[in-house]
Amino acid sequence: MKAKLLLLIAVAILIAGAAAAYKYWGNNHSSSDDRIRVSGNIEATETQVAFKIAGRVESREVDEGVMVAAGRPIARLETADLELNVALRQAELKAAEAVLAKLTAGSRIEEIEAAKSAWQQAAHALADLEAGSRPQEIAAAEAALAATKAERDRWQSDLVRATALYNRKTISTEDYDRVRTGFDMADQRYREAEEKLKLIKEGPRHEQIEQARAALARAKAQYDLVLAGPRKEDRDQAEAIVEKAQAALRLAETQLGYASIVSPLSGMVLSKNIEPGEYVAPGTPVVTIGDLVNVWLRAYIEEPDLDRVKLGQKATVSIDSGKTFQGRVSFIADEAEFTPKNVQTQKERVKLVYRIKIDIHNPEMA
């Protein structure tokens, strides 16, 4: 935001071709000799309206010379990527909240029962190993061995007969191979049953028992963990993740909001600097808006008149077109300066002047 000489827009706004204005002030009963007459330039505040983020301009809603009210839409950026980013942050927040909710709720009954069942099964397995083989297991293994031996013996008898017949070329090679394969498979089953019976009679090995004890300890620890529920540090971490996701979503929504700009004040669009389709960087002026309702006169007074001018003092300002406006003194410089080249004073011998500012209300532009 900066001040600009109204000379640049005087013809359009005041229907006047000059930038100089004249100010008179004093009480209504004083003579003309008591009034101070100065000249200066009428100035206005102009504001450059820009986006806070980079992007491609989708639309510009105003043109030069248009009067706009504060809050009126000025321009908009393309928002597809920004909207996608908001949706992504919303999904991340939803996932983080689900994790936190699960930790806050604690373990479900089904999870506790499953952990308890696994612990009990591990305990039973260890007890069975420590108790050794039961008579029923030995009897079952012996019966299985006897059955596989009987089957093996039958195939062995068949193999003896098939061998004799094959040697006399009474049976084919395929028939002989079938019998031979049957015997080999029966013999393998017999050997496996024999080894199983041997292991059952020997009972579990020491390392098997130790492994079962370790499995029981793990199952018990898991059950205790599920029963106790999530740890405080886990919940704290989940809460931190949720807060981070919330902050990311707020930032994404803020950036989406930055894709639209509105007029920060009521005034006239003095210039348009960007067209739709152009890519803009943050801070690049899109339009320039001037506040023509509250303008001011920049003038200079000589040191002898300094004591006669007070802050808040009323003044009448007239321009070359003959229009007059009411104003008030809003600023008086503390230090003198040399007379600006574009200012003519009535007392040429005085080279030092004081800058003053007179606020002028211009209701015609409201």
Protein backbone atom coordinates (compact mmCIF):
# COMPACT_ATOMS: atom_id res chain seq x y z
CA MET A 1 0.00 0.00 0.00
CA LYS A 2 1.39 3.42 -0.91
CA ALA A 3 0.40 7.00 -1.66
CA LYS A 4 0.06 8.21 -5.23
CA LEU A 5 -0.56 11.65 -6.68
CA LEU A 6 -4.16 12.13 -7.66
CA LEU A 7 -2.81 13.89 -10.74
CA LEU A 8 -2.68 10.48 -12.35
CA ILE A 9 -6.45 10.01 -11.99
CA ALA A 10 -7.76 13.57 -11.59
CA VAL A 11 -9.24 13.82 -15.05
CA ALA A 12 -11.16 10.62 -14.55
CA ILE A 13 -12.35 11.21 -11.04
CA LEU A 14 -12.61 14.96 -10.42
CA ILE A 15 -13.11 16.10 -14.01
CA ALA A 16 -10.20 18.46 -13.37
CA GLY A 17 -7.05 18.84 -15.34
CA ALA A 18 -4.80 20.12 -12.61
CA ALA A 19 -3.18 18.41 -9.68
CA ALA A 20 -2.84 21.56 -7.58
CA ALA A 21 -5.44 22.37 -4.92
CA TYR A 22 -5.86 25.31 -2.63
CA LYS A 23 -6.60 25.28 1.08
CA TYR A 24 -8.01 27.96 3.28
CA TRP A 25 -8.65 27.72 6.95
CA GLY A 26 -9.57 29.89 9.94
CA ASN A 27 -12.78 30.84 11.74
CA ASN A 28 -15.74 32.06 9.76
CA HIS A 29 -15.58 35.56 11.27
CA SER A 30 -11.96 36.36 10.51
CA SER A 31 -10.89 38.52 7.59
CA SER A 32 -9.21 37.15 4.49
CA ASP A 33 -5.88 38.51 5.79
CA ASP A 34 -6.11 36.09 8.75
CA ARG A 35 -6.38 33.01 6.54
CA ILE A 36 -3.44 30.97 5.31
CA ARG A 37 -3.40 30.06 1.65
CA VAL A 38 -1.21 27.19 0.47
CA SER A 39 -1.08 24.93 -2.55
CA GLY A 40 -0.19 21.29 -2.92
CA ASN A 41 -0.99 17.99 -4.50
CA ILE A 42 -3.99 15.82 -3.73
CA GLU A 43 -2.89 12.26 -3.09
CA ALA A 44 -4.63 8.94 -2.55
CA THR A 45 -3.72 5.55 -1.12
CA GLU A 46 -3.40 2.74 -3.61
CA THR A 47 -3.21 -0.94 -2.71
CA GLN A 48 -1.72 -3.69 -4.82
CA VAL A 49 -3.82 -6.84 -4.46
CA ALA A 50 -1.82 -10.06 -4.85
CA PHE A 51 -2.02 -13.79 -4.15
CA LYS A 52 -0.10 -15.23 -1.20
CA ILE A 53 0.68 -18.42 -3.12
CA ALA A 54 1.92 -19.22 -6.60
CA GLY A 55 -0.38 -20.60 -9.26
CA ARG A 56 -2.08 -20.13 -12.60
CA VAL A 57 -4.80 -17.49 -12.75
CA GLU A 58 -8.18 -19.03 -13.54
CA SER A 59 -10.20 -15.81 -13.61
CA ARG A 60 -10.03 -12.07 -12.92
CA GLU A 61 -13.37 -10.57 -11.93
CA VAL A 62 -12.70 -6.82 -12.33
CA ASP A 63 -11.34 -4.41 -14.94
CA GLU A 64 -9.78 -0.97 -14.80
CA GLY A 65 -12.07 1.89 -13.84
CA VAL A 66 -14.51 -0.32 -11.93
CA MET A 67 -15.55 0.71 -8.43
CA VAL A 68 -15.30 -2.18 -5.99
CA ALA A 69 -16.52 -2.61 -2.44
CA ALA A 70 -14.36 -4.13 0.27
CA GLY A 71 -14.67 -7.91 0.13
CA ARG A 72 -15.57 -8.11 -3.56
CA PRO A 73 -13.92 -11.08 -5.36
CA ILE A 74 -10.96 -9.93 -7.45
CA ALA A 75 -9.36 -13.07 -8.92
CA ARG A 76 -9.01 -16.83 -8.47
CA LEU A 77 -6.27 -19.39 -9.11
CA GLU A 78 -6.73 -22.89 -10.48
CA THR A 79 -7.47 -25.11 -7.48
CA ALA A 80 -7.37 -28.74 -8.68
CA ASP A 81 -4.00 -29.49 -7.05
CA LEU A 82 -4.92 -27.59 -3.89
CA GLU A 83 -8.22 -29.47 -3.55
CA LEU A 84 -6.42 -32.78 -4.05
CA ASN A 85 -3.97 -31.84 -1.31
CA VAL A 86 -6.85 -31.07 1.06
CA ALA A 87 -8.45 -34.47 0.31
CA LEU A 88 -5.12 -36.21 0.96
CA ARG A 89 -4.66 -34.44 4.30
CA GLN A 90 -8.22 -35.31 5.28
CA ALA A 91 -7.52 -39.00 4.60
CA GLU A 92 -4.30 -38.86 6.62
CA LEU A 93 -6.14 -37.27 9.54
CA LYS A 94 -8.89 -39.88 9.37
CA ALA A 95 -6.34 -42.71 9.47
CA ALA A 96 -4.47 -41.13 12.39
CA GLU A 97 -7.71 -40.63 14.33
CA ALA A 98 -8.64 -44.28 13.75
CA VAL A 99 -5.33 -45.45 15.23
CA LEU A 100 -5.76 -43.16 18.23
CA ALA A 101 -9.34 -44.34 18.76
CA LYS A 102 -8.20 -47.96 18.75
CA LEU A 103 -5.46 -47.26 21.28
CA THR A 104 -7.83 -45.25 23.46
CA ALA A 105 -10.47 -47.99 23.44
CA GLY A 106 -7.93 -50.63 24.52
CA SER A 107 -7.92 -54.32 23.65
CA ARG A 108 -11.15 -55.97 22.50
CA ILE A 109 -12.59 -58.98 24.34
CA GLU A 110 -11.88 -61.19 21.31
CA GLU A 111 -8.21 -60.18 21.35
CA ILE A 112 -7.93 -60.92 25.06
CA GLU A 113 -9.60 -64.32 24.67
CA ALA A 114 -7.38 -65.24 21.72
CA ALA A 115 -4.22 -64.35 23.65
CA LYS A 116 -5.46 -66.29 26.66
CA SER A 117 -6.21 -69.37 24.53
CA ALA A 118 -2.73 -69.26 22.96
CA TRP A 119 -1.18 -69.04 26.41
CA GLN A 120 -3.19 -72.02 27.66
CA GLN A 121 -2.31 -74.11 24.60
CA ALA A 122 1.38 -73.39 25.13
CA ALA A 123 1.04 -74.44 28.77
CA HIS A 124 -0.63 -77.73 27.79
CA ALA A 125 2.05 -78.45 25.20
CA LEU A 126 4.81 -77.98 27.77
CA ALA A 127 2.99 -80.16 30.29
CA ASP A 128 2.67 -82.96 27.74
CA LEU A 129 6.37 -82.81 26.93
CA GLU A 130 7.39 -82.78 30.57
CA ALA A 131 5.11 -85.75 31.32
CA GLY A 132 6.73 -87.84 28.58
CA SER A 133 4.99 -90.26 26.25
CA ARG A 134 1.72 -91.77 27.43
CA PRO A 135 0.99 -95.54 27.19
CA GLN A 136 -1.80 -94.80 24.74
CA GLU A 137 0.65 -93.05 22.41
CA ILE A 138 3.07 -96.00 22.59
CA ALA A 139 0.28 -98.50 21.93
CA ALA A 140 -0.96 -96.48 18.97
CA ALA A 141 2.56 -96.27 17.54
CA GLU A 142 3.07 -100.02 17.98
CA ALA A 143 -0.23 -100.75 16.24
CA ALA A 144 0.74 -98.47 13.37
CA LEU A 145 4.09 -100.25 13.09
CA ALA A 146 2.42 -103.67 13.03
CA ALA A 147 0.03 -102.55 10.30
CA THR A 148 2.79 -101.14 8.13
CA LYS A 149 4.87 -104.31 8.69
CA ALA A 150 2.01 -106.54 7.58
CA GLU A 151 1.54 -104.40 4.48
CA ARG A 152 5.27 -104.49 3.77
CA ASP A 153 5.33 -108.28 4.13
CA ARG A 154 2.49 -108.67 1.64
CA TRP A 155 4.24 -106.52 -0.92
CA GLN A 156 7.47 -108.39 -0.29
CA SER A 157 5.76 -111.72 -1.07
CA ASP A 158 4.27 -110.21 -4.21
CA LEU A 159 7.68 -108.93 -5.21
CA VAL A 160 9.27 -112.39 -4.82
CA ARG A 161 6.62 -113.93 -7.10
CA ALA A 162 6.82 -111.07 -9.60
CA THR A 163 10.59 -111.39 -9.78
CA ALA A 164 10.38 -115.09 -10.60
CA LEU A 165 7.73 -114.52 -13.25
CA TYR A 166 9.64 -111.64 -14.78
CA ASN A 167 12.80 -113.73 -15.00
CA ARG A 168 10.82 -116.35 -16.93
CA LYS A 169 9.42 -113.52 -19.09
CA THR A 170 5.90 -114.40 -17.99
CA ILE A 171 4.98 -110.82 -16.97
CA SER A 172 5.81 -107.51 -18.57
CA THR A 173 8.26 -104.97 -17.32
CA GLU A 174 5.41 -102.60 -16.43
CA ASP A 175 3.78 -105.21 -14.17
CA TYR A 176 7.06 -105.91 -12.47
CA ASP A 177 7.77 -102.21 -11.91
CA ARG A 178 4.31 -101.72 -10.39
CA VAL A 179 4.95 -104.42 -7.80
CA ARG A 180 8.43 -103.12 -7.11
CA THR A 181 7.13 -99.59 -6.52
CA GLY A 182 4.41 -100.86 -4.21
CA PHE A 183 6.97 -102.68 -2.11
CA ASP A 184 9.26 -99.63 -1.91
CA MET A 185 6.43 -97.41 -0.68
CA ALA A 186 5.28 -99.99 1.89
CA ASP A 187 8.84 -100.39 3.10
CA GLN A 188 9.16 -96.58 3.51
CA ARG A 189 5.97 -96.40 5.58
CA TYR A 190 7.20 -99.24 7.76
CA ARG A 191 10.51 -97.51 8.43
CA GLU A 192 8.73 -94.25 9.33
CA ALA A 193 6.42 -96.03 11.77
CA GLU A 194 9.40 -97.79 13.27
CA GLU A 195 11.24 -94.48 13.78
CA LYS A 196 8.15 -92.86 15.27
CA LEU A 197 7.74 -95.67 17.80
CA LYS A 198 11.37 -95.33 18.75
CA LEU A 199 11.02 -91.57 19.37
CA ILE A 200 7.83 -91.99 21.38
CA LYS A 201 9.46 -94.56 23.62
CA GLU A 202 12.49 -92.28 24.11
CA GLY A 203 10.25 -89.32 25.05
CA PRO A 204 10.81 -85.62 24.27
CA ARG A 205 14.35 -84.28 24.00
CA HIS A 206 15.66 -81.59 26.36
CA GLU A 207 15.77 -78.95 23.61
CA GLN A 208 12.10 -79.61 22.78
CA ILE A 209 11.13 -78.95 26.37
CA GLU A 210 13.18 -75.73 26.42
CA GLN A 211 11.56 -74.58 23.21
CA ALA A 212 8.12 -75.27 24.69
CA ARG A 213 9.02 -73.27 27.80
CA ALA A 214 10.15 -70.32 25.67
CA ALA A 215 6.93 -70.51 23.65
CA LEU A 216 4.91 -70.49 26.88
CA ALA A 217 6.79 -67.42 28.14
CA ARG A 218 6.10 -65.57 24.89
CA ALA A 219 2.42 -66.49 24.96
CA LYS A 220 2.11 -65.34 28.59
CA ALA A 221 3.86 -62.02 27.83
CA GLN A 222 1.56 -61.42 24.87
CA TYR A 223 -1.50 -62.16 27.00
CA ASP A 224 -0.33 -59.75 29.71
CA LEU A 225 0.33 -57.07 27.07
CA VAL A 226 -3.11 -57.45 25.49
CA LEU A 227 -4.77 -57.52 28.90
CA ALA A 228 -3.00 -54.32 30.00
CA GLY A 229 -3.94 -52.46 26.82
CA PRO A 230 -1.83 -49.94 24.90
CA ARG A 231 1.03 -48.14 26.63
CA LYS A 232 0.84 -44.47 27.50
CA GLU A 233 3.76 -43.66 25.21
CA ASP A 234 1.93 -45.34 22.32
CA ARG A 235 -1.16 -43.22 22.95
CA ASP A 236 0.97 -40.07 23.27
CA GLN A 237 2.65 -40.84 19.97
CA ALA A 238 -0.72 -41.44 18.29
CA GLU A 239 -2.04 -38.13 19.66
CA ALA A 240 1.03 -36.34 18.29
CA ILE A 241 0.43 -37.88 14.87
CA VAL A 242 -3.20 -36.71 14.96
CA GLU A 243 -2.13 -33.18 15.89
CA LYS A 244 0.40 -33.17 13.07
CA ALA A 245 -2.26 -34.36 10.61
CA GLN A 246 -4.65 -31.66 11.84
CA ALA A 247 -2.00 -29.00 11.32
CA ALA A 248 -1.28 -30.30 7.82
CA LEU A 249 -4.99 -30.19 6.99
CA ARG A 250 -5.33 -26.64 8.31
CA LEU A 251 -2.37 -25.57 6.18
CA ALA A 252 -3.84 -27.24 3.08
CA GLU A 253 -7.22 -25.57 3.68
CA THR A 254 -5.52 -22.22 4.24
CA GLN A 255 -3.62 -22.55 0.98
CA LEU A 256 -6.86 -23.42 -0.79
CA GLY A 257 -8.38 -20.27 0.69
CA TYR A 258 -5.43 -18.26 -0.63
CA ALA A 259 -6.47 -19.28 -4.16
CA SER A 260 -9.12 -16.53 -4.04
CA ILE A 261 -8.44 -12.87 -3.35
CA VAL A 262 -10.92 -10.12 -2.52
CA SER A 263 -10.63 -6.38 -2.39
CA PRO A 264 -9.24 -5.23 0.98
CA LEU A 265 -10.89 -1.83 0.62
CA SER A 266 -13.54 0.07 -1.26
CA GLY A 267 -12.17 2.03 -4.18
CA MET A 268 -11.48 2.10 -7.89
CA VAL A 269 -9.45 -0.42 -9.88
CA LEU A 270 -6.61 1.75 -11.17
CA SER A 271 -4.80 -0.93 -13.14
CA LYS A 272 -4.96 -4.62 -14.02
CA ASN A 273 -1.60 -6.34 -14.13
CA ILE A 274 -2.41 -10.02 -14.73
CA GLU A 275 -4.58 -11.81 -17.28
CA PRO A 276 -6.31 -15.22 -16.85
CA GLY A 277 -4.01 -18.09 -17.81
CA GLU A 278 -0.85 -16.40 -16.58
CA TYR A 279 1.27 -18.02 -13.87
CA VAL A 280 1.91 -15.73 -10.91
CA ALA A 281 4.37 -15.85 -8.07
CA PRO A 282 3.39 -14.94 -4.50
CA GLY A 283 3.12 -11.18 -4.12
CA THR A 284 2.74 -10.43 -7.83
CA PRO A 285 0.19 -7.57 -8.12
CA VAL A 286 -2.99 -8.68 -9.87
CA VAL A 287 -4.78 -5.32 -9.71
CA THR A 288 -4.13 -1.96 -8.09
CA ILE A 289 -7.01 -0.34 -6.18
CA GLY A 290 -7.10 3.30 -5.12
CA ASP A 291 -9.04 4.66 -2.14
CA LEU A 292 -10.66 7.76 -3.62
CA VAL A 293 -13.04 8.35 -0.73
CA ASN A 294 -10.38 9.33 1.77
CA VAL A 295 -7.73 11.37 -0.03
CA TRP A 296 -5.45 14.04 1.35
CA LEU A 297 -3.64 17.22 0.40
CA ARG A 298 0.13 17.37 0.77
CA ALA A 299 1.14 21.01 1.29
CA TYR A 300 3.89 23.09 2.87
CA ILE A 301 3.70 26.04 5.24
CA GLU A 302 6.32 28.57 6.14
CA GLU A 303 7.81 28.82 9.60
CA PRO A 304 6.00 32.11 10.49
CA ASP A 305 2.68 30.30 9.98
CA LEU A 306 3.63 27.19 11.96
CA ASP A 307 2.06 28.36 15.23
CA ARG A 308 -1.23 29.15 13.47
CA VAL A 309 -1.78 25.59 12.27
CA LYS A 310 -3.07 22.94 14.71
CA LEU A 311 -3.83 19.23 14.39
CA GLY A 312 -7.54 18.70 13.81
CA GLN A 313 -8.00 22.21 12.45
CA LYS A 314 -10.67 22.45 9.74
CA ALA A 315 -9.75 23.43 6.22
CA THR A 316 -11.57 24.11 2.96
CA VAL A 317 -9.94 22.65 -0.11
CA SER A 318 -10.81 23.74 -3.64
CA ILE A 319 -9.63 22.47 -6.99
CA ASP A 320 -9.38 24.10 -10.40
CA SER A 321 -12.83 22.87 -11.41
CA GLY A 322 -14.32 24.98 -8.65
CA LYS A 323 -15.40 22.12 -6.42
CA THR A 324 -14.66 22.47 -2.73
CA PHE A 325 -14.18 19.85 -0.05
CA GLN A 326 -13.91 19.96 3.71
CA GLY A 327 -10.82 18.61 5.42
CA ARG A 328 -8.86 18.49 8.66
CA VAL A 329 -5.18 18.83 9.40
CA SER A 330 -3.91 15.36 10.31
CA PHE A 331 -0.14 15.83 10.24
CA ILE A 332 2.40 18.60 10.86
CA ALA A 333 6.08 17.86 10.37
CA ASP A 334 8.39 18.36 13.35
CA GLU A 335 11.37 19.32 11.21
CA ALA A 336 11.66 21.85 8.43
CA GLU A 337 12.83 20.98 4.94
CA PHE A 338 13.86 22.94 1.90
CA THR A 339 11.02 24.06 -0.31
CA PRO A 340 10.23 21.34 -2.89
CA LYS A 341 10.85 22.42 -6.47
CA ASN A 342 7.21 21.94 -7.45
CA VAL A 343 5.83 24.18 -4.68
CA GLN A 344 5.53 27.95 -5.00
CA THR A 345 5.41 29.93 -1.75
CA GLN A 346 4.15 33.49 -1.36
CA LYS A 347 7.25 34.59 0.50
CA GLU A 348 10.15 33.78 -1.75
CA ARG A 349 12.75 34.75 0.82
CA VAL A 350 11.71 31.86 3.13
CA LYS A 351 13.53 28.72 2.01
CA LEU A 352 12.56 26.32 4.82
CA VAL A 353 9.01 24.96 5.06
CA TYR A 354 7.06 22.41 7.10
CA ARG A 355 5.09 19.66 5.45
CA ILE A 356 1.45 19.26 6.47
CA LYS A 357 -1.24 16.78 5.53
CA ILE A 358 -4.94 17.57 5.26
CA ASP A 359 -7.35 14.63 5.14
CA ILE A 360 -10.21 15.16 2.69
CA HIS A 361 -13.43 13.19 2.57
CA ASN A 362 -14.69 12.66 -0.98
CA PRO A 363 -18.27 11.36 -0.54
CA GLU A 364 -18.92 11.34 -4.29
CA MET A 365 -16.69 8.29 -4.59
CA ALA A 366 -18.31 6.39 -1.71
